[in-house]
């Protein structure tokens, strides 16, 4: 007799998570299995941190972005369809997280008032034409 209802899968124990293949971990994480998601994090966290660090060149920001990338993965892992390798898909998710942060950062650094100053600044005007 099965100890779990047929509509529920058992959560993995910490030791079971070490025996997972990548496709199994992905499938289980898509179903909400925390141990499988943790295993994915352990497999990919250094690679994602390195990517973030290369893009922003700041260790603290790279750590924050790595965390944000895995939060985004947690939210979006159900959308992974397997049309590319998981590592390629996660790389793209992570790059998008970094690019969004950089865009937001640039918006904060350059207020709209300053962006329009060039257009409003007086330009060199040519000397008025004189009639002879």
N, C-alpha and C. Protein backbone atom coordinates (compact mmCIF):
# COMPACT_ATOMS: atom_id res chain seq x y z
N UNK A 1 0.84 -1.19 0.00
CA UNK A 1 0.00 0.00 0.00
C UNK A 1 0.88 1.24 0.00
N UNK A 2 0.50 2.25 -0.80
CA UNK A 2 1.25 3.47 -0.94
C UNK A 2 0.96 4.39 0.25
N UNK A 3 2.00 4.92 0.86
CA UNK A 3 1.85 5.79 2.03
C UNK A 3 1.41 7.19 1.65
N UNK A 4 1.46 7.55 0.34
CA UNK A 4 1.11 8.89 -0.10
C UNK A 4 -0.13 8.84 -0.96
N UNK A 5 -0.99 9.85 -0.86
CA UNK A 5 -2.15 9.90 -1.76
C UNK A 5 -1.66 9.91 -3.21
N UNK A 6 -2.46 9.38 -4.11
CA UNK A 6 -2.04 9.26 -5.50
C UNK A 6 -1.79 10.60 -6.17
N UNK A 7 -2.41 11.68 -5.70
CA UNK A 7 -2.22 12.97 -6.34
C UNK A 7 -1.03 13.75 -5.78
N UNK A 8 -0.36 13.21 -4.78
CA UNK A 8 0.79 13.88 -4.19
C UNK A 8 2.04 13.02 -4.35
N UNK A 9 3.14 13.67 -4.67
CA UNK A 9 4.39 12.93 -4.71
C UNK A 9 5.15 13.23 -3.42
N UNK A 10 5.89 12.29 -2.90
CA UNK A 10 6.61 12.54 -1.67
C UNK A 10 7.72 13.55 -1.88
N UNK A 11 7.98 14.36 -0.88
CA UNK A 11 9.10 15.29 -0.93
C UNK A 11 10.38 14.48 -0.74
N UNK A 12 11.41 14.89 -1.45
CA UNK A 12 12.68 14.19 -1.34
C UNK A 12 13.34 14.50 -0.02
N UNK A 13 14.04 13.53 0.51
CA UNK A 13 14.88 13.80 1.66
C UNK A 13 16.17 14.41 1.15
N UNK A 14 16.94 15.02 2.02
CA UNK A 14 18.19 15.66 1.63
C UNK A 14 19.13 14.66 0.96
N UNK A 15 19.19 13.43 1.46
CA UNK A 15 20.09 12.43 0.87
C UNK A 15 19.59 11.98 -0.50
N UNK A 16 18.26 11.89 -0.70
CA UNK A 16 17.71 11.51 -1.99
C UNK A 16 18.05 12.54 -3.07
N UNK A 17 18.12 13.81 -2.70
CA UNK A 17 18.37 14.88 -3.65
C UNK A 17 19.75 14.72 -4.30
N UNK A 18 20.69 14.13 -3.59
CA UNK A 18 22.03 13.94 -4.15
C UNK A 18 22.06 12.89 -5.25
N UNK A 19 21.09 12.02 -5.30
CA UNK A 19 21.05 10.95 -6.29
C UNK A 19 20.30 11.35 -7.56
N UNK A 20 19.78 12.55 -7.61
CA UNK A 20 18.96 12.98 -8.75
C UNK A 20 19.80 13.26 -9.99
N UNK A 21 19.24 12.95 -11.13
CA UNK A 21 19.81 13.43 -12.38
C UNK A 21 19.23 14.82 -12.62
N UNK A 22 19.83 15.56 -13.53
CA UNK A 22 19.33 16.90 -13.80
C UNK A 22 17.87 16.89 -14.29
N UNK A 23 17.51 16.05 -15.26
CA UNK A 23 16.10 16.04 -15.69
C UNK A 23 15.13 15.70 -14.56
N UNK A 24 15.52 14.78 -13.69
CA UNK A 24 14.65 14.44 -12.54
C UNK A 24 14.51 15.63 -11.61
N UNK A 25 15.62 16.29 -11.33
CA UNK A 25 15.58 17.44 -10.43
C UNK A 25 14.72 18.56 -11.00
N UNK A 26 14.84 18.79 -12.30
CA UNK A 26 14.04 19.83 -12.95
C UNK A 26 12.55 19.49 -12.85
N UNK A 27 12.22 18.26 -13.18
CA UNK A 27 10.81 17.84 -13.14
C UNK A 27 10.25 17.98 -11.72
N UNK A 28 11.01 17.53 -10.73
CA UNK A 28 10.54 17.63 -9.35
C UNK A 28 10.45 19.09 -8.88
N UNK A 29 11.43 19.89 -9.27
CA UNK A 29 11.41 21.32 -8.90
C UNK A 29 10.22 22.02 -9.55
N UNK A 30 9.89 21.62 -10.76
CA UNK A 30 8.72 22.19 -11.43
C UNK A 30 7.44 21.86 -10.65
N UNK A 31 7.47 20.75 -9.96
CA UNK A 31 6.33 20.36 -9.13
C UNK A 31 6.38 20.93 -7.72
N UNK A 32 7.39 21.74 -7.43
CA UNK A 32 7.46 22.40 -6.13
C UNK A 32 8.34 21.71 -5.10
N UNK A 33 9.14 20.74 -5.50
CA UNK A 33 9.98 20.01 -4.56
C UNK A 33 11.18 20.87 -4.16
N UNK A 34 11.24 21.26 -2.90
CA UNK A 34 12.29 22.15 -2.40
C UNK A 34 13.67 21.50 -2.44
N UNK A 35 13.76 20.23 -2.12
CA UNK A 35 15.07 19.55 -2.14
C UNK A 35 15.63 19.48 -3.56
N UNK A 36 14.77 19.26 -4.53
CA UNK A 36 15.22 19.23 -5.92
C UNK A 36 15.68 20.62 -6.36
N UNK A 37 14.95 21.65 -5.94
CA UNK A 37 15.35 23.01 -6.28
C UNK A 37 16.69 23.33 -5.63
N UNK A 38 16.87 22.91 -4.39
CA UNK A 38 18.15 23.14 -3.71
C UNK A 38 19.29 22.47 -4.47
N UNK A 39 19.02 21.28 -4.98
CA UNK A 39 20.05 20.56 -5.75
C UNK A 39 20.41 21.34 -7.00
N UNK A 40 19.43 21.88 -7.69
CA UNK A 40 19.68 22.71 -8.87
C UNK A 40 20.51 23.93 -8.48
N UNK A 41 20.16 24.55 -7.35
CA UNK A 41 20.92 25.70 -6.87
C UNK A 41 22.38 25.31 -6.64
N UNK A 42 22.61 24.18 -6.01
CA UNK A 42 23.99 23.74 -5.74
C UNK A 42 24.76 23.46 -7.03
N UNK A 43 24.09 22.93 -8.03
CA UNK A 43 24.74 22.65 -9.31
C UNK A 43 25.13 23.93 -10.04
N UNK A 44 24.30 24.95 -9.97
CA UNK A 44 24.47 26.11 -10.84
C UNK A 44 24.83 27.42 -10.15
N UNK A 45 24.83 27.50 -8.85
CA UNK A 45 25.01 28.80 -8.19
C UNK A 45 26.36 29.45 -8.50
N UNK A 46 27.45 28.68 -8.53
CA UNK A 46 28.75 29.28 -8.84
C UNK A 46 28.80 29.82 -10.26
N UNK A 47 28.23 29.07 -11.18
CA UNK A 47 28.23 29.51 -12.58
C UNK A 47 27.42 30.79 -12.73
N UNK A 48 26.27 30.87 -12.07
CA UNK A 48 25.44 32.07 -12.18
C UNK A 48 26.10 33.25 -11.48
N UNK A 49 26.73 33.01 -10.34
CA UNK A 49 27.46 34.08 -9.66
C UNK A 49 28.57 34.62 -10.56
N UNK A 50 29.32 33.74 -11.20
CA UNK A 50 30.40 34.17 -12.09
C UNK A 50 29.87 35.00 -13.25
N UNK A 51 28.76 34.59 -13.80
CA UNK A 51 28.12 35.34 -14.87
C UNK A 51 27.75 36.74 -14.39
N UNK A 52 27.09 36.81 -13.26
CA UNK A 52 26.68 38.10 -12.70
C UNK A 52 27.89 38.98 -12.40
N UNK A 53 28.92 38.40 -11.84
CA UNK A 53 30.13 39.15 -11.51
C UNK A 53 30.79 39.70 -12.78
N UNK A 54 30.83 38.91 -13.83
CA UNK A 54 31.40 39.41 -15.09
C UNK A 54 30.58 40.57 -15.65
N UNK A 55 29.30 40.53 -15.44
CA UNK A 55 28.44 41.57 -16.02
C UNK A 55 28.45 42.87 -15.21
N UNK A 56 28.54 42.77 -13.87
CA UNK A 56 28.44 43.99 -13.06
C UNK A 56 29.75 44.40 -12.39
N UNK A 57 30.70 43.50 -12.31
CA UNK A 57 32.03 43.77 -11.74
C UNK A 57 31.97 44.31 -10.31
N UNK A 58 31.04 43.77 -9.54
CA UNK A 58 30.91 44.16 -8.14
C UNK A 58 30.44 42.93 -7.38
N UNK A 59 31.23 42.50 -6.38
CA UNK A 59 30.92 41.24 -5.71
C UNK A 59 29.60 41.28 -4.96
N UNK A 60 29.32 42.38 -4.26
CA UNK A 60 28.07 42.46 -3.51
C UNK A 60 26.86 42.45 -4.44
N UNK A 61 26.97 43.20 -5.51
CA UNK A 61 25.85 43.24 -6.46
C UNK A 61 25.69 41.89 -7.17
N UNK A 62 26.82 41.23 -7.45
CA UNK A 62 26.77 39.90 -8.09
C UNK A 62 26.08 38.90 -7.16
N UNK A 63 26.34 38.98 -5.87
CA UNK A 63 25.67 38.10 -4.91
C UNK A 63 24.17 38.36 -4.90
N UNK A 64 23.78 39.63 -4.87
CA UNK A 64 22.36 39.99 -4.89
C UNK A 64 21.69 39.51 -6.18
N UNK A 65 22.38 39.69 -7.29
CA UNK A 65 21.81 39.29 -8.58
C UNK A 65 21.72 37.78 -8.71
N UNK A 66 22.67 37.06 -8.13
CA UNK A 66 22.60 35.60 -8.13
C UNK A 66 21.36 35.15 -7.37
N UNK A 67 21.14 35.76 -6.23
CA UNK A 67 19.96 35.45 -5.44
C UNK A 67 18.68 35.79 -6.22
N UNK A 68 18.67 36.93 -6.87
CA UNK A 68 17.51 37.34 -7.66
C UNK A 68 17.28 36.40 -8.84
N UNK A 69 18.36 35.93 -9.45
CA UNK A 69 18.23 35.00 -10.58
C UNK A 69 17.59 33.69 -10.12
N UNK A 70 17.98 33.21 -8.94
CA UNK A 70 17.39 31.96 -8.45
C UNK A 70 15.96 32.17 -7.96
N UNK A 71 15.65 33.35 -7.47
CA UNK A 71 14.24 33.65 -7.15
C UNK A 71 13.40 33.65 -8.43
N UNK A 72 13.96 34.23 -9.49
CA UNK A 72 13.26 34.23 -10.77
C UNK A 72 13.11 32.80 -11.29
N UNK A 73 14.16 32.00 -11.13
CA UNK A 73 14.09 30.59 -11.52
C UNK A 73 12.97 29.89 -10.76
N UNK A 74 12.90 30.13 -9.46
CA UNK A 74 11.87 29.51 -8.63
C UNK A 74 10.47 29.88 -9.15
N UNK A 75 10.32 31.15 -9.54
CA UNK A 75 9.02 31.60 -10.05
C UNK A 75 8.71 31.05 -11.45
N UNK A 76 9.74 30.84 -12.26
CA UNK A 76 9.53 30.55 -13.68
C UNK A 76 9.92 29.14 -14.10
N UNK A 77 10.40 28.30 -13.20
CA UNK A 77 10.88 26.98 -13.62
C UNK A 77 9.79 26.17 -14.31
N UNK A 78 8.55 26.42 -13.97
CA UNK A 78 7.45 25.69 -14.61
C UNK A 78 7.33 26.01 -16.10
N UNK A 79 7.95 27.13 -16.56
CA UNK A 79 7.88 27.49 -17.97
C UNK A 79 8.99 26.84 -18.80
N UNK A 80 9.94 26.17 -18.14
CA UNK A 80 11.00 25.49 -18.89
C UNK A 80 10.39 24.31 -19.64
N UNK A 81 10.55 24.32 -20.98
CA UNK A 81 9.93 23.30 -21.82
C UNK A 81 10.92 22.28 -22.35
N UNK A 82 12.20 22.49 -22.12
CA UNK A 82 13.19 21.53 -22.59
C UNK A 82 13.57 21.70 -24.05
N UNK A 83 13.21 22.82 -24.66
CA UNK A 83 13.57 23.06 -26.05
C UNK A 83 15.05 23.40 -26.19
N UNK A 84 15.67 23.82 -25.11
CA UNK A 84 17.11 24.04 -25.05
C UNK A 84 17.61 23.30 -23.81
N UNK A 85 18.91 23.29 -23.62
CA UNK A 85 19.40 22.67 -22.40
C UNK A 85 19.00 23.56 -21.22
N UNK A 86 18.88 22.97 -20.06
CA UNK A 86 18.49 23.73 -18.88
C UNK A 86 19.53 24.81 -18.58
N UNK A 87 20.81 24.47 -18.72
CA UNK A 87 21.86 25.45 -18.42
C UNK A 87 21.76 26.67 -19.32
N UNK A 88 21.43 26.46 -20.59
CA UNK A 88 21.25 27.59 -21.52
C UNK A 88 20.06 28.43 -21.10
N UNK A 89 18.97 27.78 -20.75
CA UNK A 89 17.77 28.49 -20.32
C UNK A 89 18.03 29.30 -19.05
N UNK A 90 18.69 28.68 -18.07
CA UNK A 90 19.01 29.37 -16.82
C UNK A 90 19.96 30.53 -17.06
N UNK A 91 20.92 30.34 -17.96
CA UNK A 91 21.84 31.42 -18.31
C UNK A 91 21.05 32.62 -18.84
N UNK A 92 20.08 32.37 -19.73
CA UNK A 92 19.28 33.45 -20.31
C UNK A 92 18.43 34.13 -19.24
N UNK A 93 17.82 33.35 -18.37
CA UNK A 93 17.04 33.93 -17.26
C UNK A 93 17.93 34.84 -16.43
N UNK A 94 19.12 34.40 -16.13
CA UNK A 94 20.07 35.16 -15.30
C UNK A 94 20.53 36.43 -16.00
N UNK A 95 20.86 36.34 -17.27
CA UNK A 95 21.26 37.53 -18.02
C UNK A 95 20.12 38.54 -18.02
N UNK A 96 18.91 38.08 -18.20
CA UNK A 96 17.76 39.00 -18.19
C UNK A 96 17.60 39.69 -16.84
N UNK A 97 17.83 38.96 -15.76
CA UNK A 97 17.76 39.56 -14.42
C UNK A 97 18.80 40.67 -14.28
N UNK A 98 20.02 40.40 -14.72
CA UNK A 98 21.08 41.41 -14.63
C UNK A 98 20.76 42.62 -15.51
N UNK A 99 20.32 42.37 -16.72
CA UNK A 99 20.01 43.48 -17.63
C UNK A 99 18.88 44.35 -17.09
N UNK A 100 17.87 43.72 -16.50
CA UNK A 100 16.78 44.50 -15.90
C UNK A 100 17.30 45.37 -14.76
N UNK A 101 18.18 44.83 -13.94
CA UNK A 101 18.76 45.62 -12.84
C UNK A 101 19.57 46.78 -13.40
N UNK A 102 20.36 46.53 -14.43
CA UNK A 102 21.17 47.60 -15.01
C UNK A 102 20.29 48.68 -15.63
N UNK A 103 19.21 48.29 -16.25
CA UNK A 103 18.28 49.28 -16.82
C UNK A 103 17.66 50.13 -15.73
N UNK A 104 17.22 49.49 -14.66
CA UNK A 104 16.63 50.23 -13.55
C UNK A 104 17.65 51.16 -12.92
N UNK A 105 18.87 50.68 -12.78
CA UNK A 105 19.94 51.48 -12.19
C UNK A 105 20.23 52.70 -13.05
N UNK A 106 20.26 52.53 -14.36
CA UNK A 106 20.50 53.66 -15.26
C UNK A 106 19.36 54.66 -15.22
N UNK A 107 18.13 54.19 -15.05
CA UNK A 107 17.01 55.10 -14.95
C UNK A 107 17.11 55.96 -13.71
N UNK A 108 17.61 55.38 -12.63
CA UNK A 108 17.76 56.12 -11.38
C UNK A 108 18.91 57.11 -11.49
N UNK A 109 19.98 56.72 -12.16
CA UNK A 109 21.16 57.58 -12.25
C UNK A 109 20.95 58.77 -13.16
N UNK A 110 20.08 58.66 -14.15
CA UNK A 110 19.86 59.75 -15.10
C UNK A 110 18.39 60.17 -15.03
N UNK A 111 18.07 61.10 -14.13
CA UNK A 111 16.68 61.55 -14.05
C UNK A 111 16.25 62.19 -15.37
N UNK A 112 14.97 62.15 -15.62
CA UNK A 112 14.45 62.68 -16.87
C UNK A 112 14.76 64.16 -17.05
N UNK A 113 14.78 64.93 -15.97
CA UNK A 113 15.09 66.36 -16.09
C UNK A 113 16.46 66.56 -16.72
N UNK A 114 17.42 65.74 -16.31
CA UNK A 114 18.78 65.87 -16.83
C UNK A 114 18.88 65.40 -18.27
N UNK A 115 18.08 64.46 -18.64
CA UNK A 115 18.15 63.94 -20.00
C UNK A 115 17.68 64.98 -21.01
N UNK A 116 16.79 65.86 -20.60
CA UNK A 116 16.26 66.87 -21.51
C UNK A 116 17.07 68.16 -21.50
N UNK A 117 18.04 68.30 -20.62
CA UNK A 117 18.81 69.53 -20.54
C UNK A 117 19.53 69.84 -21.83
N UNK A 118 20.05 68.82 -22.50
CA UNK A 118 20.75 69.06 -23.76
C UNK A 118 19.82 69.68 -24.78
N UNK A 119 18.60 69.17 -24.85
CA UNK A 119 17.65 69.69 -25.82
C UNK A 119 17.26 71.12 -25.49
N UNK A 120 17.18 71.47 -24.19
CA UNK A 120 16.74 72.78 -23.77
C UNK A 120 17.88 73.79 -23.71
N UNK A 121 19.12 73.32 -23.72
CA UNK A 121 20.25 74.24 -23.58
C UNK A 121 20.38 75.08 -24.84
N UNK A 122 20.84 76.34 -24.64
CA UNK A 122 20.98 77.21 -25.82
C UNK A 122 22.05 76.65 -26.75
N UNK A 123 21.76 76.71 -27.99
CA UNK A 123 22.71 76.23 -28.99
C UNK A 123 23.40 77.43 -29.61
N UNK A 124 24.54 77.15 -30.18
CA UNK A 124 25.22 78.24 -30.88
C UNK A 124 24.33 78.68 -32.02
N UNK A 125 24.07 79.95 -32.02
CA UNK A 125 23.23 80.48 -33.08
C UNK A 125 24.14 81.18 -34.08
N UNK A 126 23.79 81.07 -35.30
CA UNK A 126 24.59 81.74 -36.32
C UNK A 126 24.31 83.23 -36.25
N UNK A 127 25.27 83.97 -36.68
CA UNK A 127 25.13 85.44 -36.64
C UNK A 127 23.98 85.85 -37.55
N UNK A 128 23.22 86.83 -37.11
CA UNK A 128 22.09 87.26 -37.94
C UNK A 128 22.59 87.81 -39.27
N UNK A 129 21.82 87.63 -40.28
CA UNK A 129 22.17 88.14 -41.59
C UNK A 129 21.93 89.64 -41.62
N UNK A 130 22.85 90.33 -42.20
CA UNK A 130 22.68 91.80 -42.32
C UNK A 130 22.44 92.12 -43.77
N UNK A 131 21.67 93.17 -43.98
CA UNK A 131 21.40 93.59 -45.34
C UNK A 131 22.39 94.68 -45.73
N UNK A 132 22.80 94.65 -46.91
CA UNK A 132 23.75 95.66 -47.38
C UNK A 132 23.02 96.81 -48.02
